[in-house]
C-alpha cells in the first residue's frame, strides 16, 4: 500500500493551506482583538473622564453644602445675638420706663398740685366742674371763659408764674416722650 507521490503533494498542499489559514485567521483575530481592546480602552477612558467630572461635581456640591451649613450656622449665631440684643434693649427700656414711673411718682408726691392737675388733664370739665372751680380758684372766671371758648384754661407755671398754654404743654409732653430722662 504504497501511496502515490501525488497524494503526498496534495496532503502537503492541504497542510500548507491549513497552516496559512491558521496564521491568517490568527492575525485577523489578533487585529480584531486589538481593535476591540482599543475601543474598550477608549470607552474606559471616557468612563474614567466622566467619573472624574462626576467626582469634581460631587466635591463642588460638597463644598457648597459645607458653605451652606456654615452660612446657616452663622445666620443662627447672628439671630441668637440679635435676640440677645433685643432682650437686652427690652430690659433697658423696661428699666427706663420704671425709672420714669418712679420719678413721676416722686414728683407727684412732692408736687402739691399733682392731684388737681391729674384731674384737670385726665377729665373733661363739665359745667358742675367749672362752677366748683369758681368757688375755690381766684382765676375761676378766666378758666370758665377759656373752657367755653377754646378748651381747657391755661394753668400757672410754678417756676415762672407765667401762664402756660395748651401748646406749651403739648411741647413739654413731646419733649418728655422723646427724651424721658431730660426732666430728671
N, C-alpha and C. Protein backbone atom coordinates (compact mmCIF):
# COMPACT_ATOMS: atom_id res chain seq x y z
N UNK A 1 0.77 -1.13 0.00
CA UNK A 1 0.00 0.00 0.00
C UNK A 1 0.85 1.24 0.00
N UNK A 2 1.27 1.34 -0.90
CA UNK A 2 2.11 2.48 -1.13
C UNK A 2 1.29 3.58 -1.76
N UNK A 3 1.49 4.75 -1.23
CA UNK A 3 0.72 5.90 -1.72
C UNK A 3 1.50 6.56 -2.83
N UNK A 4 0.77 7.01 -3.67
CA UNK A 4 1.36 7.66 -4.84
C UNK A 4 1.95 9.01 -4.38
N UNK A 5 2.96 9.45 -5.06
CA UNK A 5 3.58 10.69 -4.67
C UNK A 5 2.65 11.89 -4.84
N UNK A 6 1.74 11.83 -5.75
CA UNK A 6 0.87 12.99 -5.92
C UNK A 6 -0.04 13.18 -4.72
N UNK A 7 -0.36 12.10 -4.02
CA UNK A 7 -1.19 12.17 -2.82
C UNK A 7 -0.41 12.93 -1.75
N UNK A 8 0.91 12.61 -1.71
CA UNK A 8 1.71 13.31 -0.73
C UNK A 8 1.79 14.80 -1.06
N UNK A 9 1.77 15.13 -2.25
CA UNK A 9 1.81 16.53 -2.66
C UNK A 9 0.50 17.19 -2.26
N UNK A 10 -0.61 16.54 -2.49
CA UNK A 10 -1.92 17.11 -2.13
C UNK A 10 -2.00 17.28 -0.62
N UNK A 11 -1.56 16.26 0.09
CA UNK A 11 -1.60 16.34 1.56
C UNK A 11 -0.71 17.50 2.02
N UNK A 12 0.47 17.65 1.42
CA UNK A 12 1.37 18.73 1.79
C UNK A 12 0.74 20.08 1.47
N UNK A 13 0.06 20.21 0.34
CA UNK A 13 -0.60 21.48 -0.04
C UNK A 13 -1.72 21.77 0.95
N UNK A 14 -2.49 20.77 1.29
CA UNK A 14 -3.60 20.97 2.24
C UNK A 14 -3.03 21.41 3.59
N UNK A 15 -1.96 20.80 4.02
CA UNK A 15 -1.36 21.16 5.30
C UNK A 15 -0.84 22.59 5.24
N UNK A 16 -0.19 22.93 4.15
CA UNK A 16 0.33 24.29 4.00
C UNK A 16 -0.83 25.27 3.98
N UNK A 17 -1.89 24.97 3.25
CA UNK A 17 -3.05 25.87 3.19
C UNK A 17 -3.64 26.02 4.60
N UNK A 18 -3.73 24.92 5.32
CA UNK A 18 -4.29 24.98 6.68
C UNK A 18 -3.40 25.84 7.58
N UNK A 19 -2.12 25.67 7.46
CA UNK A 19 -1.20 26.47 8.27
C UNK A 19 -1.32 27.94 7.90
N UNK A 20 -1.40 28.23 6.61
CA UNK A 20 -1.54 29.61 6.16
C UNK A 20 -2.87 30.17 6.67
N UNK A 21 -3.92 29.36 6.54
CA UNK A 21 -5.23 29.82 7.03
C UNK A 21 -5.18 30.08 8.54
N UNK A 22 -4.55 29.23 9.28
CA UNK A 22 -4.43 29.44 10.72
C UNK A 22 -3.65 30.71 11.02
N UNK A 23 -2.58 30.93 10.31
CA UNK A 23 -1.80 32.14 10.53
C UNK A 23 -2.60 33.39 10.16
N UNK A 24 -3.27 33.33 9.02
CA UNK A 24 -4.05 34.49 8.59
C UNK A 24 -5.20 34.75 9.56
N UNK A 25 -5.92 33.71 9.88
CA UNK A 25 -7.05 33.92 10.80
C UNK A 25 -6.55 34.31 12.17
N UNK A 26 -5.41 33.81 12.59
CA UNK A 26 -4.83 34.19 13.88
C UNK A 26 -4.46 35.67 13.89
N UNK A 27 -3.85 36.14 12.81
CA UNK A 27 -3.51 37.56 12.71
C UNK A 27 -4.78 38.41 12.67
N UNK A 28 -5.75 37.91 11.89
CA UNK A 28 -7.01 38.65 11.80
C UNK A 28 -7.68 38.73 13.18
N UNK A 29 -7.71 37.58 13.87
CA UNK A 29 -8.29 37.58 15.22
C UNK A 29 -7.51 38.54 16.12
N UNK A 30 -6.21 38.48 15.99
CA UNK A 30 -5.37 39.35 16.81
C UNK A 30 -5.68 40.82 16.48
N UNK A 31 -5.80 41.13 15.21
CA UNK A 31 -6.11 42.51 14.79
C UNK A 31 -7.49 42.91 15.30
N UNK A 32 -8.46 42.00 15.16
CA UNK A 32 -9.82 42.29 15.65
C UNK A 32 -9.79 42.45 17.16
N UNK A 33 -9.04 41.57 17.83
CA UNK A 33 -8.93 41.67 19.29
C UNK A 33 -8.25 42.98 19.68
N UNK A 34 -7.25 43.41 18.96
CA UNK A 34 -6.57 44.68 19.24
C UNK A 34 -7.52 45.86 19.03
N UNK A 35 -8.31 45.80 17.95
CA UNK A 35 -9.29 46.87 17.71
C UNK A 35 -10.31 46.90 18.84
N UNK A 36 -10.79 45.71 19.23
CA UNK A 36 -11.76 45.61 20.31
C UNK A 36 -11.16 46.14 21.60
N UNK A 37 -9.92 45.74 21.89
CA UNK A 37 -9.25 46.21 23.11
C UNK A 37 -9.06 47.73 23.07
N UNK A 38 -8.69 48.25 21.91
CA UNK A 38 -8.50 49.69 21.78
C UNK A 38 -9.81 50.44 22.00
N UNK A 39 -10.89 49.94 21.40
CA UNK A 39 -12.19 50.59 21.61
C UNK A 39 -12.61 50.48 23.07
N UNK A 40 -12.32 49.35 23.71
CA UNK A 40 -12.63 49.21 25.14
C UNK A 40 -11.79 50.17 25.97
N UNK A 41 -10.51 50.32 25.57
CA UNK A 41 -9.66 51.28 26.29
C UNK A 41 -10.21 52.70 26.16
N UNK A 42 -10.61 53.07 24.94
CA UNK A 42 -11.19 54.40 24.72
C UNK A 42 -12.47 54.57 25.52
N UNK A 43 -13.29 53.52 25.51
CA UNK A 43 -14.54 53.58 26.27
C UNK A 43 -14.24 53.70 27.76
N UNK A 44 -13.26 52.94 28.24
CA UNK A 44 -12.87 53.00 29.65
C UNK A 44 -12.33 54.39 29.99
N UNK A 45 -11.54 54.96 29.08
CA UNK A 45 -11.00 56.30 29.32
C UNK A 45 -12.14 57.33 29.38
N UNK A 46 -13.11 57.18 28.50
CA UNK A 46 -14.27 58.09 28.52
C UNK A 46 -15.05 57.94 29.82
N UNK A 47 -15.24 56.69 30.25
CA UNK A 47 -15.95 56.45 31.51
C UNK A 47 -15.16 57.05 32.68
N UNK A 48 -13.83 56.92 32.64
CA UNK A 48 -12.99 57.50 33.69
C UNK A 48 -13.10 59.03 33.71
N UNK A 49 -13.11 59.64 32.51
CA UNK A 49 -13.27 61.11 32.43
C UNK A 49 -14.62 61.53 33.02
N UNK A 50 -15.66 60.76 32.66
CA UNK A 50 -16.97 61.08 33.22
C UNK A 50 -16.96 60.91 34.74
N UNK A 51 -16.31 59.85 35.21
CA UNK A 51 -16.22 59.61 36.65
C UNK A 51 -15.46 60.75 37.34
N UNK A 52 -14.38 61.22 36.71
CA UNK A 52 -13.63 62.35 37.27
C UNK A 52 -14.49 63.60 37.32
N UNK A 53 -15.25 63.84 36.24
CA UNK A 53 -16.16 65.00 36.22
C UNK A 53 -17.21 64.88 37.31
N UNK A 54 -17.75 63.67 37.45
CA UNK A 54 -18.75 63.46 38.49
C UNK A 54 -18.13 63.66 39.87
N UNK A 55 -16.90 63.17 40.05
CA UNK A 55 -16.18 63.35 41.32
C UNK A 55 -15.96 64.84 41.59
N UNK A 56 -15.55 65.59 40.56
CA UNK A 56 -15.36 67.03 40.74
C UNK A 56 -16.68 67.72 41.10
N UNK A 57 -17.76 67.32 40.40
CA UNK A 57 -19.08 67.87 40.72
C UNK A 57 -19.47 67.53 42.15
N UNK A 58 -19.19 66.28 42.55
CA UNK A 58 -19.52 65.86 43.91
C UNK A 58 -18.74 66.68 44.93
N UNK A 59 -17.45 66.90 44.67
CA UNK A 59 -16.65 67.72 45.59
C UNK A 59 -17.16 69.15 45.65
N UNK A 60 -17.51 69.67 44.46
CA UNK A 60 -18.04 71.03 44.40
C UNK A 60 -19.35 71.14 45.17
N UNK A 61 -20.23 70.15 44.98
CA UNK A 61 -21.50 70.15 45.71
C UNK A 61 -21.27 70.00 47.21
N UNK A 62 -20.28 69.18 47.57
CA UNK A 62 -19.96 69.01 48.98
C UNK A 62 -19.45 70.33 49.56
N UNK A 63 -18.62 71.02 48.80
CA UNK A 63 -18.12 72.32 49.26
C UNK A 63 -19.27 73.32 49.41
N UNK A 64 -20.19 73.31 48.44
CA UNK A 64 -21.36 74.20 48.53
C UNK A 64 -22.19 73.86 49.77
N UNK A 65 -22.39 72.56 50.00
CA UNK A 65 -23.17 72.14 51.16
C UNK A 65 -22.48 72.57 52.45
N UNK A 66 -21.17 72.43 52.48
CA UNK A 66 -20.42 72.86 53.67
C UNK A 66 -20.55 74.36 53.87
N UNK A 67 -20.43 75.12 52.76
CA UNK A 67 -20.61 76.57 52.87
C UNK A 67 -22.02 76.92 53.32
N UNK A 68 -23.01 76.21 52.78
CA UNK A 68 -24.40 76.47 53.16
C UNK A 68 -24.60 76.18 54.65
N UNK A 69 -24.00 75.06 55.13
CA UNK A 69 -24.11 74.75 56.55
C UNK A 69 -23.44 75.84 57.38
N UNK A 70 -22.28 76.28 56.95
CA UNK A 70 -21.58 77.34 57.68
C UNK A 70 -22.39 78.63 57.66
N UNK A 71 -22.97 78.96 56.51
CA UNK A 71 -23.81 80.16 56.42
C UNK A 71 -25.02 80.04 57.33
N UNK A 72 -25.62 78.86 57.35
CA UNK A 72 -26.79 78.65 58.21
C UNK A 72 -26.40 78.77 59.68
N UNK A 73 -25.24 78.21 60.03
CA UNK A 73 -24.76 78.32 61.40
C UNK A 73 -24.49 79.77 61.74
N UNK A 74 -23.87 80.49 60.81
CA UNK A 74 -23.59 81.91 61.02
C UNK A 74 -24.89 82.68 61.20
N UNK A 75 -25.88 82.35 60.39
CA UNK A 75 -27.18 83.02 60.50
C UNK A 75 -27.82 82.72 61.86
N UNK A 76 -27.69 81.48 62.32
CA UNK A 76 -28.24 81.13 63.64
C UNK A 76 -27.52 81.90 64.75
N UNK A 77 -26.21 81.99 64.63
CA UNK A 77 -25.44 82.74 65.63
C UNK A 77 -25.86 84.21 65.60
N UNK A 78 -25.98 84.75 64.40
CA UNK A 78 -26.40 86.16 64.26
C UNK A 78 -27.81 86.36 64.83
N UNK A 79 -28.70 85.41 64.54
CA UNK A 79 -30.07 85.52 65.06
C UNK A 79 -30.07 85.45 66.58
N UNK A 80 -29.26 84.56 67.15
CA UNK A 80 -29.18 84.46 68.60
C UNK A 80 -28.62 85.76 69.19
N UNK A 81 -27.60 86.31 68.53
CA UNK A 81 -27.03 87.57 69.01
C UNK A 81 -28.07 88.69 68.94
N UNK A 82 -28.81 88.74 67.84
CA UNK A 82 -29.84 89.79 67.71
C UNK A 82 -30.95 89.59 68.74
N UNK A 83 -31.31 88.32 69.02
CA UNK A 83 -32.31 88.06 70.06
C UNK A 83 -31.82 88.55 71.41
N UNK A 84 -30.55 88.26 71.71
CA UNK A 84 -29.99 88.71 72.99
C UNK A 84 -29.97 90.24 73.05
N UNK A 85 -29.60 90.85 71.94
CA UNK A 85 -29.57 92.31 71.90
C UNK A 85 -30.97 92.89 72.08
N UNK A 86 -31.95 92.27 71.43
CA UNK A 86 -33.33 92.73 71.57
C UNK A 86 -33.81 92.56 73.00
N UNK A 87 -33.48 91.42 73.61
CA UNK A 87 -33.87 91.20 75.01
C UNK A 87 -33.20 92.22 75.93
N UNK A 88 -31.92 92.49 75.67
CA UNK A 88 -31.20 93.47 76.48
C UNK A 88 -31.83 94.85 76.34
N UNK A 89 -32.14 95.21 75.10
CA UNK A 89 -32.76 96.53 74.89
C UNK A 89 -34.16 96.60 75.50
N UNK A 90 -34.89 95.50 75.41
CA UNK A 90 -36.22 95.48 76.04
C UNK A 90 -36.09 95.64 77.54
N UNK A 91 -35.07 95.01 78.14
CA UNK A 91 -34.83 95.14 79.57
C UNK A 91 -34.46 96.58 79.90
N UNK A 92 -33.61 97.19 79.05
CA UNK A 92 -33.23 98.59 79.27
C UNK A 92 -34.45 99.50 79.18
N UNK A 93 -35.29 99.25 78.18
CA UNK A 93 -36.50 100.07 78.01
C UNK A 93 -37.40 99.92 79.22
N UNK A 94 -37.57 98.69 79.69
CA UNK A 94 -38.41 98.46 80.87
C UNK A 94 -37.83 99.19 82.07
N UNK A 95 -36.50 99.12 82.22
CA UNK A 95 -35.84 99.81 83.32
C UNK A 95 -36.04 101.32 83.22
N UNK A 96 -35.89 101.86 82.00
CA UNK A 96 -36.10 103.30 81.81
C UNK A 96 -37.54 103.69 82.12
N UNK A 97 -38.48 102.88 81.66
CA UNK A 97 -39.89 103.19 81.96
C UNK A 97 -40.17 103.11 83.45
N UNK A 98 -39.57 102.12 84.12
CA UNK A 98 -39.74 102.03 85.57
C UNK A 98 -39.15 103.24 86.25
N UNK A 99 -37.97 103.70 85.76
CA UNK A 99 -37.36 104.91 86.32
C UNK A 99 -38.25 106.13 86.11
N UNK A 100 -38.80 106.24 84.90
CA UNK A 100 -39.69 107.38 84.61
C UNK A 100 -40.91 107.32 85.52
N UNK A 101 -41.49 106.13 85.66
CA UNK A 101 -42.67 105.99 86.52
C UNK A 101 -42.32 106.33 87.97
N UNK A 102 -41.15 105.87 88.43
CA UNK A 102 -40.73 106.15 89.80
C UNK A 102 -40.51 107.65 89.99
N UNK A 103 -39.86 108.30 89.03
CA UNK A 103 -39.63 109.75 89.15
C UNK A 103 -40.94 110.52 89.06
N UNK A 104 -41.86 110.03 88.23
CA UNK A 104 -43.16 110.69 88.13
C UNK A 104 -43.90 110.58 89.47
N UNK A 105 -43.85 109.38 90.07
CA UNK A 105 -44.49 109.20 91.38
C UNK A 105 -43.85 110.12 92.42
N UNK A 106 -42.50 110.22 92.41
CA UNK A 106 -41.81 111.11 93.36
C UNK A 106 -42.24 112.54 93.14
N UNK A 107 -42.30 112.93 91.84
CA UNK A 107 -42.71 114.31 91.53
C UNK A 107 -44.14 114.55 92.00
N UNK A 108 -45.02 113.56 91.83
CA UNK A 108 -46.40 113.70 92.27
C UNK A 108 -46.49 113.79 93.79
N UNK A 109 -45.59 113.06 94.49
CA UNK A 109 -45.58 113.13 95.95
C UNK A 109 -45.13 114.50 96.43
N UNK A 110 -44.17 115.09 95.72
CA UNK A 110 -43.63 116.38 96.12
C UNK A 110 -44.54 117.52 95.67
N UNK A 111 -45.18 117.41 94.53
CA UNK A 111 -46.00 118.47 93.96
C UNK A 111 -47.34 118.56 94.68
N UNK A 112 -47.64 119.72 95.27
CA UNK A 112 -48.92 119.85 95.98
C UNK A 112 -50.11 119.91 95.01
N UNK A 113 -49.88 120.27 93.76
CA UNK A 113 -50.96 120.37 92.79
C UNK A 113 -51.13 119.10 91.96
N UNK A 114 -50.45 118.04 92.29
CA UNK A 114 -50.46 116.83 91.46
C UNK A 114 -51.86 116.24 91.34
N UNK A 115 -52.61 116.20 92.41
CA UNK A 115 -53.96 115.62 92.36
C UNK A 115 -54.89 116.45 91.51
N UNK A 116 -54.84 117.79 91.66
CA UNK A 116 -55.74 118.65 90.87
C UNK A 116 -55.30 118.71 89.42
N UNK A 117 -53.98 118.65 89.17
CA UNK A 117 -53.51 118.68 87.79
C UNK A 117 -53.95 117.41 87.07
N UNK A 118 -53.81 116.24 87.74
CA UNK A 118 -54.24 115.00 87.11
C UNK A 118 -55.73 115.03 86.80
N UNK A 119 -56.49 115.56 87.70
CA UNK A 119 -57.93 115.62 87.47
C UNK A 119 -58.23 116.55 86.30
N UNK A 120 -57.53 117.68 86.22
CA UNK A 120 -57.76 118.62 85.13
C UNK A 120 -57.32 118.05 83.79
N UNK A 121 -56.16 117.38 83.74
CA UNK A 121 -55.64 116.85 82.48
C UNK A 121 -56.35 115.58 82.07
N UNK A 122 -56.78 114.79 83.02
CA UNK A 122 -57.37 113.49 82.69
C UNK A 122 -58.85 113.55 82.41
N UNK A 123 -59.57 114.49 82.99
CA UNK A 123 -61.02 114.53 82.82
C UNK A 123 -61.42 115.79 82.08
N UNK A 124 -62.46 115.68 81.28
CA UNK A 124 -63.00 116.83 80.57
C UNK A 124 -63.93 117.55 81.55
N UNK A 125 -63.73 118.85 81.75
CA UNK A 125 -64.56 119.56 82.73
C UNK A 125 -66.01 119.67 82.26
N UNK A 126 -66.89 119.52 83.23
CA UNK A 126 -68.32 119.70 82.95
C UNK A 126 -68.73 121.03 83.54
N UNK A 127 -70.01 121.42 83.37
CA UNK A 127 -70.48 122.70 83.93
C UNK A 127 -70.37 122.70 85.44
N UNK A 128 -70.63 121.56 86.05
CA UNK A 128 -70.51 121.48 87.51
C UNK A 128 -69.07 121.67 87.93
N UNK A 129 -68.13 121.14 87.17
CA UNK A 129 -66.71 121.29 87.50
C UNK A 129 -66.31 122.76 87.41
N UNK A 130 -66.82 123.47 86.43
CA UNK A 130 -66.48 124.89 86.26
C UNK A 130 -67.03 125.68 87.42
N UNK A 131 -68.24 125.36 87.86
CA UNK A 131 -68.81 126.08 88.99
C UNK A 131 -68.01 125.81 90.25
N UNK A 132 -67.56 124.54 90.43
CA UNK A 132 -66.76 124.20 91.60
C UNK A 132 -65.43 124.93 91.56
N UNK A 133 -64.83 125.06 90.37
CA UNK A 133 -63.57 125.77 90.24
C UNK A 133 -63.74 127.24 90.62
N UNK A 134 -64.88 127.82 90.30
CA UNK A 134 -65.11 129.24 90.59
C UNK A 134 -65.12 129.47 92.09
N UNK A 135 -65.61 128.50 92.82
CA UNK A 135 -65.70 128.69 94.26
C UNK A 135 -64.32 128.65 94.90
N UNK A 136 -63.40 127.79 94.40
CA UNK A 136 -62.12 127.62 95.07
C UNK A 136 -60.95 128.30 94.38
N UNK A 137 -61.09 128.83 93.19
CA UNK A 137 -59.98 129.37 92.43
C UNK A 137 -60.19 130.85 92.20
N UNK A 138 -59.15 131.64 92.40
CA UNK A 138 -59.28 133.09 92.19
C UNK A 138 -59.32 133.40 90.70
N UNK A 139 -58.87 132.46 89.85
CA UNK A 139 -58.88 132.66 88.40
C UNK A 139 -60.04 131.91 87.78
N UNK A 140 -61.11 131.68 88.50
CA UNK A 140 -62.22 130.88 88.01
C UNK A 140 -62.87 131.53 86.80
N UNK A 141 -62.99 132.82 86.78
CA UNK A 141 -63.63 133.48 85.65
C UNK A 141 -62.82 133.26 84.39
N UNK A 142 -61.51 133.38 84.46
CA UNK A 142 -60.66 133.15 83.30
C UNK A 142 -60.73 131.69 82.87
N UNK A 143 -60.80 130.79 83.82
CA UNK A 143 -60.88 129.37 83.49
C UNK A 143 -62.20 129.07 82.82
N UNK A 144 -63.32 129.68 83.33
CA UNK A 144 -64.62 129.40 82.76
C UNK A 144 -64.71 129.94 81.34
N UNK A 145 -64.22 131.12 81.10
CA UNK A 145 -64.31 131.68 79.76
C UNK A 145 -63.40 130.93 78.80
N UNK A 146 -62.25 130.50 79.28
CA UNK A 146 -61.36 129.75 78.39
C UNK A 146 -61.97 128.40 78.07
N UNK A 147 -62.64 127.77 79.06
CA UNK A 147 -63.27 126.47 78.81
C UNK A 147 -64.38 126.59 77.78
N UNK A 148 -65.14 127.66 77.82
CA UNK A 148 -66.26 127.78 76.90
C UNK A 148 -65.81 128.18 75.51
N UNK A 149 -64.65 128.80 75.39
CA UNK A 149 -64.23 129.27 74.08
C UNK A 149 -63.28 128.30 73.38
N UNK A 150 -62.14 128.01 73.98
CA UNK A 150 -61.10 127.28 73.24
C UNK A 150 -60.70 125.96 73.89
N UNK A 151 -61.22 125.58 75.00
CA UNK A 151 -60.80 124.33 75.63
C UNK A 151 -60.35 124.60 77.04
N UNK A 152 -59.47 123.81 77.58
CA UNK A 152 -59.04 123.98 78.97
C UNK A 152 -58.31 125.30 79.17
N UNK A 153 -58.46 125.81 80.34
CA UNK A 153 -57.86 127.11 80.65
C UNK A 153 -56.36 126.96 80.82
N UNK A 154 -55.62 128.02 80.52
CA UNK A 154 -54.18 127.98 80.77
C UNK A 154 -53.93 127.84 82.25
N UNK A 155 -52.86 127.17 82.63
CA UNK A 155 -52.53 126.99 84.04
C UNK A 155 -51.30 127.81 84.35
N UNK A 156 -51.13 128.08 85.63
CA UNK A 156 -49.98 128.86 86.06
C UNK A 156 -48.76 127.96 86.09
N UNK A 157 -47.64 128.45 85.57
CA UNK A 157 -46.38 127.72 85.62
C UNK A 157 -45.76 127.98 86.98
N UNK A 158 -45.39 126.93 87.69
CA UNK A 158 -44.88 127.06 89.05
C UNK A 158 -43.53 127.78 89.07
N UNK A 159 -42.71 127.62 88.07
CA UNK A 159 -41.37 128.21 88.09
C UNK A 159 -41.38 129.67 87.72
N UNK A 160 -42.15 130.06 86.72
CA UNK A 160 -42.04 131.42 86.19
C UNK A 160 -43.25 132.28 86.51
N UNK A 161 -44.25 131.70 87.13
CA UNK A 161 -45.50 132.41 87.42
C UNK A 161 -46.13 132.95 86.16
N UNK A 162 -45.79 132.41 85.01
CA UNK A 162 -46.39 132.80 83.75
C UNK A 162 -47.51 131.84 83.41
N UNK A 163 -48.29 132.19 82.41
CA UNK A 163 -49.41 131.34 82.01
C UNK A 163 -48.90 130.38 80.94
N UNK A 164 -49.14 129.08 81.16
CA UNK A 164 -48.75 128.07 80.18
C UNK A 164 -49.95 127.74 79.32
N UNK A 165 -49.77 127.75 78.02
CA UNK A 165 -50.87 127.45 77.11
C UNK A 165 -50.88 125.97 76.79
N UNK A 166 -51.93 125.54 76.10
CA UNK A 166 -52.02 124.14 75.69
C UNK A 166 -50.86 123.77 74.76
N UNK A 167 -50.45 124.69 73.91
CA UNK A 167 -49.32 124.43 73.00
C UNK A 167 -48.03 124.17 73.76
N UNK A 168 -47.82 124.96 74.82
CA UNK A 168 -46.61 124.78 75.63
C UNK A 168 -46.66 123.43 76.33
N UNK A 169 -47.84 123.03 76.84
CA UNK A 169 -47.98 121.72 77.48
C UNK A 169 -47.73 120.60 76.48
N UNK A 170 -48.21 120.76 75.24
CA UNK A 170 -48.01 119.73 74.22
C UNK A 170 -46.53 119.62 73.86
N UNK A 171 -45.84 120.80 73.78
CA UNK A 171 -44.40 120.77 73.51
C UNK A 171 -43.64 120.06 74.62
N UNK A 172 -44.03 120.35 75.87
CA UNK A 172 -43.35 119.72 77.00
C UNK A 172 -43.61 118.21 77.01
N UNK A 173 -44.83 117.81 76.71
CA UNK A 173 -45.15 116.38 76.67
C UNK A 173 -44.36 115.69 75.55
N UNK A 174 -44.25 116.35 74.39
CA UNK A 174 -43.48 115.78 73.28
C UNK A 174 -42.01 115.64 73.67
N UNK A 175 -41.43 116.65 74.32
CA UNK A 175 -40.04 116.56 74.76
C UNK A 175 -39.84 115.44 75.77
N UNK A 176 -40.81 115.26 76.66
CA UNK A 176 -40.72 114.18 77.65
C UNK A 176 -40.75 112.81 76.96
N UNK A 177 -41.58 112.68 75.91
CA UNK A 177 -41.64 111.39 75.20
C UNK A 177 -40.35 111.13 74.45
N UNK A 178 -39.77 112.18 73.82
CA UNK A 178 -38.56 112.00 73.04
C UNK A 178 -37.36 111.71 73.92
N UNK A 179 -37.29 112.33 75.09
CA UNK A 179 -36.15 112.13 75.98
C UNK A 179 -36.70 111.99 77.41
N UNK A 180 -37.03 110.80 77.82
CA UNK A 180 -37.69 110.62 79.10
C UNK A 180 -36.83 111.01 80.29
N UNK A 181 -35.53 111.08 80.16
CA UNK A 181 -34.67 111.41 81.29
C UNK A 181 -34.35 112.90 81.37
N UNK A 182 -34.81 113.70 80.41
CA UNK A 182 -34.42 115.11 80.39
C UNK A 182 -34.97 115.86 81.58
N UNK A 183 -36.12 115.49 82.09
CA UNK A 183 -36.72 116.22 83.22
C UNK A 183 -36.27 115.67 84.56
N UNK A 184 -35.39 114.74 84.60
CA UNK A 184 -34.99 114.11 85.86
C UNK A 184 -33.78 114.80 86.41
